[in-house]
Amino acid sequence: MISIQELKHQFKRSRFQIDIPSLKFDQDGITALIGSNGNGKSTLLSIIAGIIKPKRGIVRYNNHNAFHEYEKIKSAVHLLSWDFGFFPWAKGSALLELVKQTSIANKSTWDDGLAVKLQE
């Protein structure tokens, strides 16, 4: 489903670099990405969602390049961050509702049962 090959990314003025030779997520479902602050979790997820273009490497979602073929994957890949700087007032449930309405507007699928599990 999601495959990453030779991924490298580094922000300007940062010594930290994401370097992932190969990674695959083969099954549908929820995957936890765990690590300390500043270890690149949000950056990696932003790259997978097609929001940030990596400096090098390829991320594919169902054989579509996540960055160059964003229009083909945008209805299936969503990035929901609990730290939306542009919605500082929003709680998790409000952010899920935002994603739900965006999904419906983009004619993609929405799973109310999964949304409830994410809030538990």
PDB file of N, CA and C in Angstrom:
ATOM      1  N   MET A   1       0.819  -1.184   0.000  1.00  0.00           N
ATOM      2  CA  MET A   1       0.000   0.000   0.000  1.00  0.00           C
ATOM      3  C   MET A   1       0.872   1.259   0.000  1.00  0.00           C
ATOM      4  N   ILE A   2       1.705   1.462   1.026  1.00  0.00           N
ATOM      5  CA  ILE A   2       2.633   2.591   1.047  1.00  0.00           C
ATOM      6  C   ILE A   2       4.044   2.023   1.013  1.00  0.00           C
ATOM      7  N   SER A   3       4.852   2.515   0.068  1.00  0.00           N
ATOM      8  CA  SER A   3       6.247   2.078   0.007  1.00  0.00           C
ATOM      9  C   SER A   3       7.151   3.297  -0.094  1.00  0.00           C
ATOM     10  N   ILE A   4       8.284   3.195   0.562  1.00  0.00           N
ATOM     11  CA  ILE A   4       9.270   4.275   0.598  1.00  0.00           C
ATOM     12  C   ILE A   4      10.595   3.684   0.145  1.00  0.00           C
ATOM     13  N   GLN A   5      11.268   4.371  -0.781  1.00  0.00           N
ATOM     14  CA  GLN A   5      12.556   3.915  -1.282  1.00  0.00           C
ATOM     15  C   GLN A   5      13.551   5.067  -1.286  1.00  0.00           C
ATOM     16  N   GLU A   6      14.714   4.848  -0.673  1.00  0.00           N
ATOM     17  CA  GLU A   6      15.833   5.790  -0.696  1.00  0.00           C
ATOM     18  C   GLU A   6      15.422   7.214  -0.308  1.00  0.00           C
ATOM     19  N   LEU A   7      14.596   7.335   0.726  1.00  0.00           N
ATOM     20  CA  LEU A   7      14.091   8.638   1.155  1.00  0.00           C
ATOM     21  C   LEU A   7      15.132   9.387   1.975  1.00  0.00           C
ATOM     22  N   LYS A   8      15.401  10.620   1.562  1.00  0.00           N
ATOM     23  CA  LYS A   8      16.277  11.516   2.320  1.00  0.00           C
ATOM     24  C   LYS A   8      15.630  12.889   2.319  1.00  0.00           C
ATOM     25  N   HIS A   9      15.621  13.493   3.500  1.00  0.00           N
ATOM     26  CA  HIS A   9      15.084  14.849   3.597  1.00  0.00           C
ATOM     27  C   HIS A   9      15.748  15.577   4.755  1.00  0.00           C
ATOM     28  N   GLN A  10      16.077  16.830   4.501  1.00  0.00           N
ATOM     29  CA  GLN A  10      16.685  17.669   5.535  1.00  0.00           C
ATOM     30  C   GLN A  10      16.229  19.104   5.287  1.00  0.00           C
ATOM     31  N   PHE A  11      15.764  19.746   6.336  1.00  0.00           N
ATOM     32  CA  PHE A  11      15.383  21.147   6.230  1.00  0.00           C
ATOM     33  C   PHE A  11      16.632  22.018   6.276  1.00  0.00           C
ATOM     34  N   LYS A  12      16.561  23.170   5.634  1.00  0.00           N
ATOM     35  CA  LYS A  12      17.672  24.118   5.701  1.00  0.00           C
ATOM     36  C   LYS A  12      17.912  24.495   7.159  1.00  0.00           C
ATOM     37  N   ARG A  13      19.141  24.743   7.488  1.00  0.00           N
ATOM     38  CA  ARG A  13      19.566  25.153   8.840  1.00  0.00           C
ATOM     39  C   ARG A  13      19.317  24.071   9.891  1.00  0.00           C
ATOM     40  N   SER A  14      19.203  22.833   9.471  1.00  0.00           N
ATOM     41  CA  SER A  14      18.987  21.744  10.424  1.00  0.00           C
ATOM     42  C   SER A  14      20.046  20.674  10.207  1.00  0.00           C
ATOM     43  N   ARG A  15      20.545  20.138  11.297  1.00  0.00           N
ATOM     44  CA  ARG A  15      21.511  19.037  11.195  1.00  0.00           C
ATOM     45  C   ARG A  15      20.798  17.699  11.083  1.00  0.00           C
ATOM     46  N   PHE A  16      19.532  17.649  11.496  1.00  0.00           N
ATOM     47  CA  PHE A  16      18.770  16.400  11.475  1.00  0.00           C
ATOM     48  C   PHE A  16      18.372  16.047  10.044  1.00  0.00           C
ATOM     49  N   GLN A  17      18.479  14.791   9.714  1.00  0.00           N
ATOM     50  CA  GLN A  17      18.105  14.325   8.383  1.00  0.00           C
ATOM     51  C   GLN A  17      17.310  13.034   8.496  1.00  0.00           C
ATOM     52  N   ILE A  18      16.241  12.943   7.726  1.00  0.00           N
ATOM     53  CA  ILE A  18      15.514  11.676   7.597  1.00  0.00           C
ATOM     54  C   ILE A  18      16.235  10.865   6.533  1.00  0.00           C
ATOM     55  N   ASP A  19      16.531   9.635   6.841  1.00  0.00           N
ATOM     56  CA  ASP A  19      17.237   8.749   5.915  1.00  0.00           C
ATOM     57  C   ASP A  19      16.624   7.359   6.043  1.00  0.00           C
ATOM     58  N   ILE A  20      15.764   7.003   5.101  1.00  0.00           N
ATOM     59  CA  ILE A  20      15.066   5.714   5.136  1.00  0.00           C
ATOM     60  C   ILE A  20      15.352   4.975   3.833  1.00  0.00           C
ATOM     61  N   PRO A  21      16.216   3.954   3.872  1.00  0.00           N
ATOM     62  CA  PRO A  21      16.532   3.206   2.653  1.00  0.00           C
ATOM     63  C   PRO A  21      15.320   2.495   2.057  1.00  0.00           C
ATOM     64  N   SER A  22      14.499   1.856   2.909  1.00  0.00           N
ATOM     65  CA  SER A  22      13.340   1.109   2.418  1.00  0.00           C
ATOM     66  C   SER A  22      12.356   0.883   3.567  1.00  0.00           C
ATOM     67  N   LEU A  23      11.071   1.103   3.291  1.00  0.00           N
ATOM     68  CA  LEU A  23      10.027   0.889   4.288  1.00  0.00           C
ATOM     69  C   LEU A  23       8.723   0.611   3.565  1.00  0.00           C
ATOM     70  N   LYS A  24       7.960  -0.378   4.060  1.00  0.00           N
ATOM     71  CA  LYS A  24       6.664  -0.710   3.450  1.00  0.00           C
ATOM     72  C   LYS A  24       5.604  -0.852   4.527  1.00  0.00           C
ATOM     73  N   PHE A  25       4.428  -0.329   4.220  1.00  0.00           N
ATOM     74  CA  PHE A  25       3.220  -0.562   4.998  1.00  0.00           C
ATOM     75  C   PHE A  25       2.299  -1.337   4.063  1.00  0.00           C
ATOM     76  N   ASP A  26       2.187  -2.655   4.260  1.00  0.00           N
ATOM     77  CA  ASP A  26       1.480  -3.516   3.318  1.00  0.00           C
ATOM     78  C   ASP A  26      -0.015  -3.649   3.572  1.00  0.00           C
ATOM     79  N   GLN A  27      -0.473  -3.340   4.790  1.00  0.00           N
ATOM     80  CA  GLN A  27      -1.866  -3.608   5.118  1.00  0.00           C
ATOM     81  C   GLN A  27      -2.608  -2.325   5.457  1.00  0.00           C
ATOM     82  N   ASP A  28      -3.917  -2.347   5.187  1.00  0.00           N
ATOM     83  CA  ASP A  28      -4.774  -1.256   5.615  1.00  0.00           C
ATOM     84  C   ASP A  28      -4.844  -1.259   7.133  1.00  0.00           C
ATOM     85  N   GLY A  29      -5.180  -0.121   7.693  1.00  0.00           N
ATOM     86  CA  GLY A  29      -5.362  -0.063   9.134  1.00  0.00           C
ATOM     87  C   GLY A  29      -4.617   1.097   9.743  1.00  0.00           C
ATOM     88  N   ILE A  30      -4.529   1.072  11.034  1.00  0.00           N
ATOM     89  CA  ILE A  30      -3.870   2.126  11.782  1.00  0.00           C
ATOM     90  C   ILE A  30      -2.454   1.680  12.123  1.00  0.00           C
ATOM     91  N   THR A  31      -1.499   2.547  11.866  1.00  0.00           N
ATOM     92  CA  THR A  31      -0.105   2.284  12.202  1.00  0.00           C
ATOM     93  C   THR A  31       0.372   3.395  13.120  1.00  0.00           C
ATOM     94  N   ALA A  32       1.000   3.042  14.214  1.00  0.00           N
ATOM     95  CA  ALA A  32       1.536   4.041  15.144  1.00  0.00           C
ATOM     96  C   ALA A  32       2.969   4.372  14.752  1.00  0.00           C
ATOM     97  N   LEU A  33       3.265   5.639  14.755  1.00  0.00           N
ATOM     98  CA  LEU A  33       4.618   6.124  14.508  1.00  0.00           C
ATOM     99  C   LEU A  33       5.062   6.811  15.795  1.00  0.00           C
ATOM    100  N   ILE A  34       5.987   6.176  16.497  1.00  0.00           N
ATOM    101  CA  ILE A  34       6.355   6.615  17.842  1.00  0.00           C
ATOM    102  C   ILE A  34       7.807   7.093  17.863  1.00  0.00           C
ATOM    103  N   GLY A  35       8.042   8.199  18.560  1.00  0.00           N
ATOM    104  CA  GLY A  35       9.398   8.709  18.710  1.00  0.00           C
ATOM    105  C   GLY A  35       9.392   9.999  19.504  1.00  0.00           C
ATOM    106  N   SER A  36      10.558  10.413  19.920  1.00  0.00           N
ATOM    107  CA  SER A  36      10.700  11.644  20.689  1.00  0.00           C
ATOM    108  C   SER A  36      10.453  12.863  19.813  1.00  0.00           C
ATOM    109  N   ASN A  37      10.216  13.999  20.468  1.00  0.00           N
ATOM    110  CA  ASN A  37      10.049  15.250  19.742  1.00  0.00           C
ATOM    111  C   ASN A  37      11.284  15.531  18.894  1.00  0.00           C
ATOM    112  N   GLY A  38      11.036  15.997  17.677  1.00  0.00           N
ATOM    113  CA  GLY A  38      12.144  16.369  16.804  1.00  0.00           C
ATOM    114  C   GLY A  38      12.796  15.233  16.055  1.00  0.00           C
ATOM    115  N   ASN A  39      12.206  14.032  16.105  1.00  0.00           N
ATOM    116  CA  ASN A  39      12.800  12.882  15.415  1.00  0.00           C
ATOM    117  C   ASN A  39      12.289  12.679  13.993  1.00  0.00           C
ATOM    118  N   GLY A  40      11.403  13.564  13.513  1.00  0.00           N
ATOM    119  CA  GLY A  40      10.988  13.511  12.119  1.00  0.00           C
ATOM    120  C   GLY A  40       9.667  12.824  11.842  1.00  0.00           C
ATOM    121  N   LYS A  41       8.880  12.521  12.868  1.00  0.00           N
ATOM    122  CA  LYS A  41       7.589  11.839  12.653  1.00  0.00           C
ATOM    123  C   LYS A  41       6.659  12.682  11.782  1.00  0.00           C
ATOM    124  N   SER A  42       6.467  13.928  12.150  1.00  0.00           N
ATOM    125  CA  SER A  42       5.561  14.800  11.393  1.00  0.00           C
ATOM    126  C   SER A  42       6.080  15.057   9.985  1.00  0.00           C
ATOM    127  N   THR A  43       7.393  15.202   9.869  1.00  0.00           N
ATOM    128  CA  THR A  43       7.986  15.407   8.542  1.00  0.00           C
ATOM    129  C   THR A  43       7.756  14.181   7.667  1.00  0.00           C
ATOM    130  N   LEU A  44       7.994  12.989   8.211  1.00  0.00           N
ATOM    131  CA  LEU A  44       7.775  11.759   7.443  1.00  0.00           C
ATOM    132  C   LEU A  44       6.319  11.646   7.026  1.00  0.00           C
ATOM    133  N   LEU A  45       5.401  11.898   7.940  1.00  0.00           N
ATOM    134  CA  LEU A  45       3.979  11.806   7.601  1.00  0.00           C
ATOM    135  C   LEU A  45       3.583  12.849   6.562  1.00  0.00           C
ATOM    136  N   SER A  46       4.164  14.041   6.636  1.00  0.00           N
ATOM    137  CA  SER A  46       3.886  15.075   5.639  1.00  0.00           C
ATOM    138  C   SER A  46       4.413  14.670   4.264  1.00  0.00           C
ATOM    139  N   ILE A  47       5.537  13.983   4.235  1.00  0.00           N
ATOM    140  CA  ILE A  47       6.078  13.477   2.970  1.00  0.00           C
ATOM    141  C   ILE A  47       5.168  12.378   2.414  1.00  0.00           C
ATOM    142  N   ILE A  48       4.751  11.448   3.277  1.00  0.00           N
ATOM    143  CA  ILE A  48       3.863  10.359   2.841  1.00  0.00           C
ATOM    144  C   ILE A  48       2.549  10.923   2.315  1.00  0.00           C
ATOM    145  N   ALA A  49       2.036  11.981   2.945  1.00  0.00           N
ATOM    146  CA  ALA A  49       0.763  12.584   2.527  1.00  0.00           C
ATOM    147  C   ALA A  49       0.913  13.465   1.297  1.00  0.00           C
ATOM    148  N   GLY A  50       2.131  13.649   0.800  1.00  0.00           N
ATOM    149  CA  GLY A  50       2.334  14.452  -0.400  1.00  0.00           C
ATOM    150  C   GLY A  50       2.390  15.946  -0.148  1.00  0.00           C
ATOM    151  N   ILE A  51       2.511  16.346   1.104  1.00  0.00           N
ATOM    152  CA  ILE A  51       2.535  17.765   1.460  1.00  0.00           C
ATOM    153  C   ILE A  51       3.933  18.347   1.309  1.00  0.00           C
ATOM    154  N   ILE A  52       4.936  17.574   1.678  1.00  0.00           N
ATOM    155  CA  ILE A  52       6.335  17.996   1.551  1.00  0.00           C
ATOM    156  C   ILE A  52       7.005  17.110   0.502  1.00  0.00           C
ATOM    157  N   LYS A  53       7.724  17.739  -0.416  1.00  0.00           N
ATOM    158  CA  LYS A  53       8.490  16.987  -1.406  1.00  0.00           C
ATOM    159  C   LYS A  53       9.842  16.615  -0.794  1.00  0.00           C
ATOM    160  N   PRO A  54      10.178  15.332  -0.784  1.00  0.00           N
ATOM    161  CA  PRO A  54      11.471  14.939  -0.211  1.00  0.00           C
ATOM    162  C   PRO A  54      12.627  15.413  -1.103  1.00  0.00           C
ATOM    163  N   LYS A  55      13.778  15.610  -0.484  1.00  0.00           N
ATOM    164  CA  LYS A  55      14.967  16.010  -1.254  1.00  0.00           C
ATOM    165  C   LYS A  55      15.387  14.890  -2.204  1.00  0.00           C
ATOM    166  N   ARG A  56      15.171  13.636  -1.751  1.00  0.00           N
ATOM    167  CA  ARG A  56      15.545  12.488  -2.567  1.00  0.00           C
ATOM    168  C   ARG A  56      14.666  11.311  -2.187  1.00  0.00           C
ATOM    169  N   GLY A  57      14.397  10.443  -3.134  1.00  0.00           N
ATOM    170  CA  GLY A  57      13.646   9.231  -2.858  1.00  0.00           C
ATOM    171  C   GLY A  57      12.220   9.300  -3.367  1.00  0.00           C
ATOM    172  N   ILE A  58      11.542   8.185  -3.200  1.00  0.00           N
ATOM    173  CA  ILE A  58      10.177   8.048  -3.715  1.00  0.00           C
ATOM    174  C   ILE A  58       9.278   7.468  -2.635  1.00  0.00           C
ATOM    175  N   VAL A  59       8.110   8.068  -2.506  1.00  0.00           N
ATOM    176  CA  VAL A  59       7.051   7.528  -1.663  1.00  0.00           C
ATOM    177  C   VAL A  59       5.894   7.205  -2.589  1.00  0.00           C
ATOM    178  N   ARG A  60       5.422   5.972  -2.525  1.00  0.00           N
ATOM    179  CA  ARG A  60       4.300   5.553  -3.375  1.00  0.00           C
ATOM    180  C   ARG A  60       3.142   5.089  -2.515  1.00  0.00           C
ATOM    181  N   TYR A  61       1.948   5.445  -2.943  1.00  0.00           N
ATOM    182  CA  TYR A  61       0.714   4.960  -2.335  1.00  0.00           C
ATOM    183  C   TYR A  61      -0.046   4.240  -3.431  1.00  0.00           C
ATOM    184  N   ASN A  62      -0.219   2.929  -3.287  1.00  0.00           N
ATOM    185  CA  ASN A  62      -0.841   2.103  -4.331  1.00  0.00           C
ATOM    186  C   ASN A  62      -0.224   2.383  -5.705  1.00  0.00           C
ATOM    187  N   ASN A  63       1.096   2.389  -5.732  1.00  0.00           N
ATOM    188  CA  ASN A  63       1.893   2.597  -6.944  1.00  0.00           C
ATOM    189  C   ASN A  63       1.782   3.991  -7.555  1.00  0.00           C
ATOM    190  N   HIS A  64       1.250   4.956  -6.814  1.00  0.00           N
ATOM    191  CA  HIS A  64       1.218   6.350  -7.268  1.00  0.00           C
ATOM    192  C   HIS A  64       2.228   7.152  -6.468  1.00  0.00           C
ATOM    193  N   ASN A  65       3.026   7.953  -7.148  1.00  0.00           N
ATOM    194  CA  ASN A  65       3.994   8.810  -6.475  1.00  0.00           C
ATOM    195  C   ASN A  65       3.239   9.822  -5.625  1.00  0.00           C
ATOM    196  N   ALA A  66       3.495   9.828  -4.315  1.00  0.00           N
ATOM    197  CA  ALA A  66       2.730  10.643  -3.370  1.00  0.00           C
ATOM    198  C   ALA A  66       2.837  12.133  -3.658  1.00  0.00           C
ATOM    199  N   PHE A  67       3.949  12.584  -4.188  1.00  0.00           N
ATOM    200  CA  PHE A  67       4.099  14.012  -4.444  1.00  0.00           C
ATOM    201  C   PHE A  67       3.685  14.378  -5.868  1.00  0.00           C
ATOM    202  N   HIS A  68       4.183  13.654  -6.846  1.00  0.00           N
ATOM    203  CA  HIS A  68       3.912  14.003  -8.247  1.00  0.00           C
ATOM    204  C   HIS A  68       2.523  13.603  -8.717  1.00  0.00           C
ATOM    205  N   GLU A  69       1.912  12.643  -8.056  1.00  0.00           N
ATOM    206  CA  GLU A  69       0.559  12.210  -8.428  1.00  0.00           C
ATOM    207  C   GLU A  69      -0.418  12.465  -7.285  1.00  0.00           C
ATOM    208  N   TYR A  70      -0.253  13.591  -6.621  1.00  0.00           N
ATOM    209  CA  TYR A  70      -1.064  13.922  -5.447  1.00  0.00           C
ATOM    210  C   TYR A  70      -2.556  13.874  -5.739  1.00  0.00           C
ATOM    211  N   GLU A  71      -2.982  14.329  -6.907  1.00  0.00           N
ATOM    212  CA  GLU A  71      -4.410  14.339  -7.255  1.00  0.00           C
ATOM    213  C   GLU A  71      -5.008  12.929  -7.215  1.00  0.00           C
ATOM    214  N   LYS A  72      -4.200  11.920  -7.499  1.00  0.00           N
ATOM    215  CA  LYS A  72      -4.693  10.538  -7.503  1.00  0.00           C
ATOM    216  C   LYS A  72      -4.782   9.935  -6.108  1.00  0.00           C
ATOM    217  N   ILE A  73      -4.046  10.477  -5.145  1.00  0.00           N
ATOM    218  CA  ILE A  73      -4.041   9.885  -3.803  1.00  0.00           C
ATOM    219  C   ILE A  73      -4.753  10.725  -2.756  1.00  0.00           C
ATOM    220  N   LYS A  74      -5.079  11.980  -3.063  1.00  0.00           N
ATOM    221  CA  LYS A  74      -5.556  12.897  -2.027  1.00  0.00           C
ATOM    222  C   LYS A  74      -6.850  12.452  -1.362  1.00  0.00           C
ATOM    223  N   SER A  75      -7.659  11.669  -2.045  1.00  0.00           N
ATOM    224  CA  SER A  75      -8.897  11.212  -1.414  1.00  0.00           C
ATOM    225  C   SER A  75      -8.672  10.029  -0.472  1.00  0.00           C
ATOM    226  N   ALA A  76      -7.485   9.427  -0.514  1.00  0.00           N
ATOM    227  CA  ALA A  76      -7.224   8.244   0.309  1.00  0.00           C
ATOM    228  C   ALA A  76      -6.216   8.488   1.433  1.00  0.00           C
ATOM    229  N   VAL A  77      -5.406   9.518   1.322  1.00  0.00           N
ATOM    230  CA  VAL A  77      -4.355   9.769   2.306  1.00  0.00           C
ATOM    231  C   VAL A  77      -4.647  11.091   2.999  1.00  0.00           C
ATOM    232  N   HIS A  78      -4.724  11.050   4.315  1.00  0.00           N
ATOM    233  CA  HIS A  78      -4.996  12.249   5.101  1.00  0.00           C
ATOM    234  C   HIS A  78      -3.975  12.365   6.216  1.00  0.00           C
ATOM    235  N   LEU A  79      -3.565  13.577   6.492  1.00  0.00           N
ATOM    236  CA  LEU A  79      -2.667  13.849   7.612  1.00  0.00           C
ATOM    237  C   LEU A  79      -3.438  14.679   8.616  1.00  0.00           C
ATOM    238  N   LEU A  80      -3.644  14.117   9.790  1.00  0.00           N
ATOM    239  CA  LEU A  80      -4.344  14.809  10.865  1.00  0.00           C
ATOM    240  C   LEU A  80      -3.361  15.006  12.002  1.00  0.00           C
ATOM    241  N   SER A  81      -2.996  16.238  12.252  1.00  0.00           N
ATOM    242  CA  SER A  81      -2.049  16.561  13.314  1.00  0.00           C
ATOM    243  C   SER A  81      -2.795  17.159  14.486  1.00  0.00           C
ATOM    244  N   TRP A  82      -2.384  16.801  15.684  1.00  0.00           N
ATOM    245  CA  TRP A  82      -3.015  17.380  16.872  1.00  0.00           C
ATOM    246  C   TRP A  82      -2.468  18.766  17.142  1.00  0.00           C
ATOM    247  N   ASP A  83      -1.519  19.202  16.344  1.00  0.00           N
ATOM    248  CA  ASP A  83      -0.916  20.514  16.534  1.00  0.00           C
ATOM    249  C   ASP A  83      -1.120  21.374  15.288  1.00  0.00           C
ATOM    250  N   PHE A  84      -2.371  21.573  14.899  1.00  0.00           N
ATOM    251  CA  PHE A  84      -2.670  22.448  13.770  1.00  0.00           C
ATOM    252  C   PHE A  84      -2.486  23.890  14.217  1.00  0.00           C
ATOM    253  N   GLY A  85      -1.428  24.527  13.774  1.00  0.00           N
ATOM    254  CA  GLY A  85      -1.161  25.899  14.169  1.00  0.00           C
ATOM    255  C   GLY A  85      -2.246  26.869  13.734  1.00  0.00           C
ATOM    256  N   PHE A  86      -2.962  26.542  12.655  1.00  0.00           N
ATOM    257  CA  PHE A  86      -3.987  27.469  12.180  1.00  0.00           C
ATOM    258  C   PHE A  86      -5.345  27.220  12.827  1.00  0.00           C
ATOM    259  N   PHE A  87      -5.452  26.217  13.715  1.00  0.00           N
ATOM    260  CA  PHE A  87      -6.666  25.977  14.503  1.00  0.00           C
ATOM    261  C   PHE A  87      -6.274  25.766  15.970  1.00  0.00           C
ATOM    262  N   PRO A  88      -5.656  26.748  16.617  1.00  0.00           N
ATOM    263  CA  PRO A  88      -5.172  26.526  17.983  1.00  0.00           C
ATOM    264  C   PRO A  88      -6.298  26.263  18.983  1.00  0.00           C
ATOM    265  N   TRP A  89      -7.501  26.641  18.658  1.00  0.00           N
ATOM    266  CA  TRP A  89      -8.651  26.465  19.540  1.00  0.00           C
ATOM    267  C   TRP A  89      -9.280  25.087  19.415  1.00  0.00           C
ATOM    268  N   ALA A  90      -8.949  24.370  18.369  1.00  0.00           N
ATOM    269  CA  ALA A  90      -9.660  23.124  18.048  1.00  0.00           C
ATOM    270  C   ALA A  90      -9.189  21.958  18.903  1.00  0.00           C
ATOM    271  N   LYS A  91     -10.142  21.153  19.327  1.00  0.00           N
ATOM    272  CA  LYS A  91      -9.852  19.900  20.019  1.00  0.00           C
ATOM    273  C   LYS A  91      -9.827  18.782  18.977  1.00  0.00           C
ATOM    274  N   GLY A  92      -9.365  17.605  19.383  1.00  0.00           N
ATOM    275  CA  GLY A  92      -9.261  16.477  18.461  1.00  0.00           C
ATOM    276  C   GLY A  92     -10.551  16.168  17.732  1.00  0.00           C
ATOM    277  N   SER A  93     -11.677  16.203  18.429  1.00  0.00           N
ATOM    278  CA  SER A  93     -12.959  15.893  17.793  1.00  0.00           C
ATOM    279  C   SER A  93     -13.305  16.916  16.714  1.00  0.00           C
ATOM    280  N   ALA A  94     -12.964  18.181  16.941  1.00  0.00           N
ATOM    281  CA  ALA A  94     -13.234  19.218  15.937  1.00  0.00           C
ATOM    282  C   ALA A  94     -12.355  19.015  14.709  1.00  0.00           C
ATOM    283  N   LEU A  95     -11.112  18.583  14.923  1.00  0.00           N
ATOM    284  CA  LEU A  95     -10.216  18.331  13.795  1.00  0.00           C
ATOM    285  C   LEU A  95     -10.691  17.122  12.989  1.00  0.00           C
ATOM    286  N   LEU A  96     -11.178  16.092  13.677  1.00  0.00           N
ATOM    287  CA  LEU A  96     -11.735  14.941  12.960  1.00  0.00           C
ATOM    288  C   LEU A  96     -12.951  15.343  12.134  1.00  0.00           C
ATOM    289  N   GLU A  97     -13.775  16.202  12.686  1.00  0.00           N
ATOM    290  CA  GLU A  97     -14.950  16.690  11.938  1.00  0.00           C
ATOM    291  C   GLU A  97     -14.505  17.469  10.698  1.00  0.00           C
ATOM    292  N   LEU A  98     -13.441  18.262  10.817  1.00  0.00           N
ATOM    293  CA  LEU A  98     -12.900  18.987   9.676  1.00  0.00           C
ATOM    294  C   LEU A  98     -12.445  18.021   8.583  1.00  0.00           C
ATOM    295  N   VAL A  99     -11.722  16.981   8.984  1.00  0.00           N
ATOM    296  CA  VAL A  99     -11.258  15.983   8.013  1.00  0.00           C
ATOM    297  C   VAL A  99     -12.456  15.260   7.394  1.00  0.00           C
ATOM    298  N   LYS A 100     -13.475  14.949   8.205  1.00  0.00           N
ATOM    299  CA  LYS A 100     -14.679  14.281   7.698  1.00  0.00           C
ATOM    300  C   LYS A 100     -15.344  15.133   6.620  1.00  0.00           C
ATOM    301  N   GLN A 101     -15.546  16.405   6.908  1.00  0.00           N
ATOM    302  CA  GLN A 101     -16.202  17.278   5.941  1.00  0.00           C
ATOM    303  C   GLN A 101     -15.361  17.457   4.678  1.00  0.00           C
ATOM    304  N   THR A 102     -14.042  17.527   4.841  1.00  0.00           N
ATOM    305  CA  THR A 102     -13.147  17.622   3.689  1.00  0.00           C
ATOM    306  C   THR A 102     -13.214  16.352   2.855  1.00  0.00           C
ATOM    307  N   SER A 103     -13.257  15.197   3.528  1.00  0.00           N
ATOM    308  CA  SER A 103     -13.347  13.916   2.822  1.00  0.00           C
ATOM    309  C   SER A 103     -14.643  13.821   2.030  1.00  0.00           C
ATOM    310  N   ILE A 104     -15.736  14.222   2.649  1.00  0.00           N
ATOM    311  CA  ILE A 104     -17.028  14.171   1.968  1.00  0.00           C
ATOM    312  C   ILE A 104     -17.029  15.122   0.769  1.00  0.00           C
ATOM    313  N   ALA A 105     -16.478  16.310   0.956  1.00  0.00           N
ATOM    314  CA  ALA A 105     -16.427  17.293  -0.133  1.00  0.00           C
ATOM    315  C   ALA A 105     -15.581  16.785  -1.300  1.00  0.00           C
ATOM    316  N   ASN A 106     -14.533  16.013  -0.998  1.00  0.00           N
ATOM    317  CA  ASN A 106     -13.669  15.459  -2.045  1.00  0.00           C
ATOM    318  C   ASN A 106     -14.170  14.111  -2.560  1.00  0.00           C
ATOM    319  N   LYS A 107     -15.359  13.714  -2.113  1.00  0.00           N
ATOM    320  CA  LYS A 107     -15.986  12.463  -2.534  1.00  0.00           C
ATOM    321  C   LYS A 107     -15.125  11.244  -2.218  1.00  0.00           C
ATOM    322  N   SER A 108     -14.422  11.306  -1.097  1.00  0.00           N
ATOM    323  CA  SER A 108     -13.653  10.146  -0.655  1.00  0.00           C
ATOM    324  C   SER A 108     -14.427   9.441   0.454  1.00  0.00           C
ATOM    325  N   THR A 109     -13.920   8.330   0.869  1.00  0.00           N
ATOM    326  CA  THR A 109     -14.625   7.547   1.880  1.00  0.00           C
ATOM    327  C   THR A 109     -14.352   8.085   3.274  1.00  0.00           C
ATOM    328  N   TRP A 110     -15.311   7.907   4.151  1.00  0.00           N
ATOM    329  CA  TRP A 110     -15.173   8.290   5.556  1.00  0.00           C
ATOM    330  C   TRP A 110     -15.734   7.165   6.396  1.00  0.00           C
ATOM    331  N   ASP A 111     -15.027   6.797   7.445  1.00  0.00           N
ATOM    332  CA  ASP A 111     -15.431   5.689   8.305  1.00  0.00           C
ATOM    333  C   ASP A 111     -15.713   6.240   9.702  1.00  0.00           C
ATOM    334  N   ASP A 112     -17.006   6.405  10.049  1.00  0.00           N
ATOM    335  CA  ASP A 112     -17.377   6.921  11.365  1.00  0.00           C
ATOM    336  C   ASP A 112     -16.889   6.009  12.486  1.00  0.00           C
ATOM    337  N   GLY A 113     -16.905   4.697  12.253  1.00  0.00           N
ATOM    338  CA  GLY A 113     -16.453   3.752  13.275  1.00  0.00           C
ATOM    339  C   GLY A 113     -14.974   3.942  13.591  1.00  0.00           C
ATOM    340  N   LEU A 114     -14.163   4.130  12.562  1.00  0.00           N
ATOM    341  CA  LEU A 114     -12.744   4.356  12.759  1.00  0.00           C
ATOM    342  C   LEU A 114     -12.514   5.682  13.482  1.00  0.00           C
ATOM    343  N   ALA A 115     -13.280   6.711  13.150  1.00  0.00           N
ATOM    344  CA  ALA A 115     -13.147   8.014  13.812  1.00  0.00           C
ATOM    345  C   ALA A 115     -13.428   7.884  15.317  1.00  0.00           C
ATOM    346  N   VAL A 116     -14.425   7.077  15.660  1.00  0.00           N
ATOM    347  CA  VAL A 116     -14.740   6.862  17.074  1.00  0.00           C
ATOM    348  C   VAL A 116     -13.583   6.154  17.768  1.00  0.00           C
ATOM    349  N   LYS A 117     -12.993   5.139  17.122  1.00  0.00           N
ATOM    350  CA  LYS A 117     -11.858   4.417  17.705  1.00  0.00           C
ATOM    351  C   LYS A 117     -10.662   5.343  17.921  1.00  0.00           C
ATOM    352  N   LEU A 118     -10.433   6.257  17.000  1.00  0.00           N
ATOM    353  CA  LEU A 118      -9.301   7.177  17.124  1.00  0.00           C
ATOM    354  C   LEU A 118      -9.456   8.116  18.319  1.00  0.00           C
ATOM    355  N   GLN A 119     -10.698   8.362  18.721  1.00  0.00           N
ATOM    356  CA  GLN A 119     -10.948   9.273  19.843  1.00  0.00           C
ATOM    357  C   GLN A 119     -10.933   8.560  21.182  1.00  0.00           C
ATOM    358  N   GLU A 120     -10.933   7.229  21.180  1.00  0.00           N
ATOM    359  CA  GLU A 120     -10.965   6.474  22.444  1.00  0.00           C
ATOM    360  C   GLU A 120      -9.659   6.552  23.188  1.00  0.00           C
TER     361      GLU A 120
END
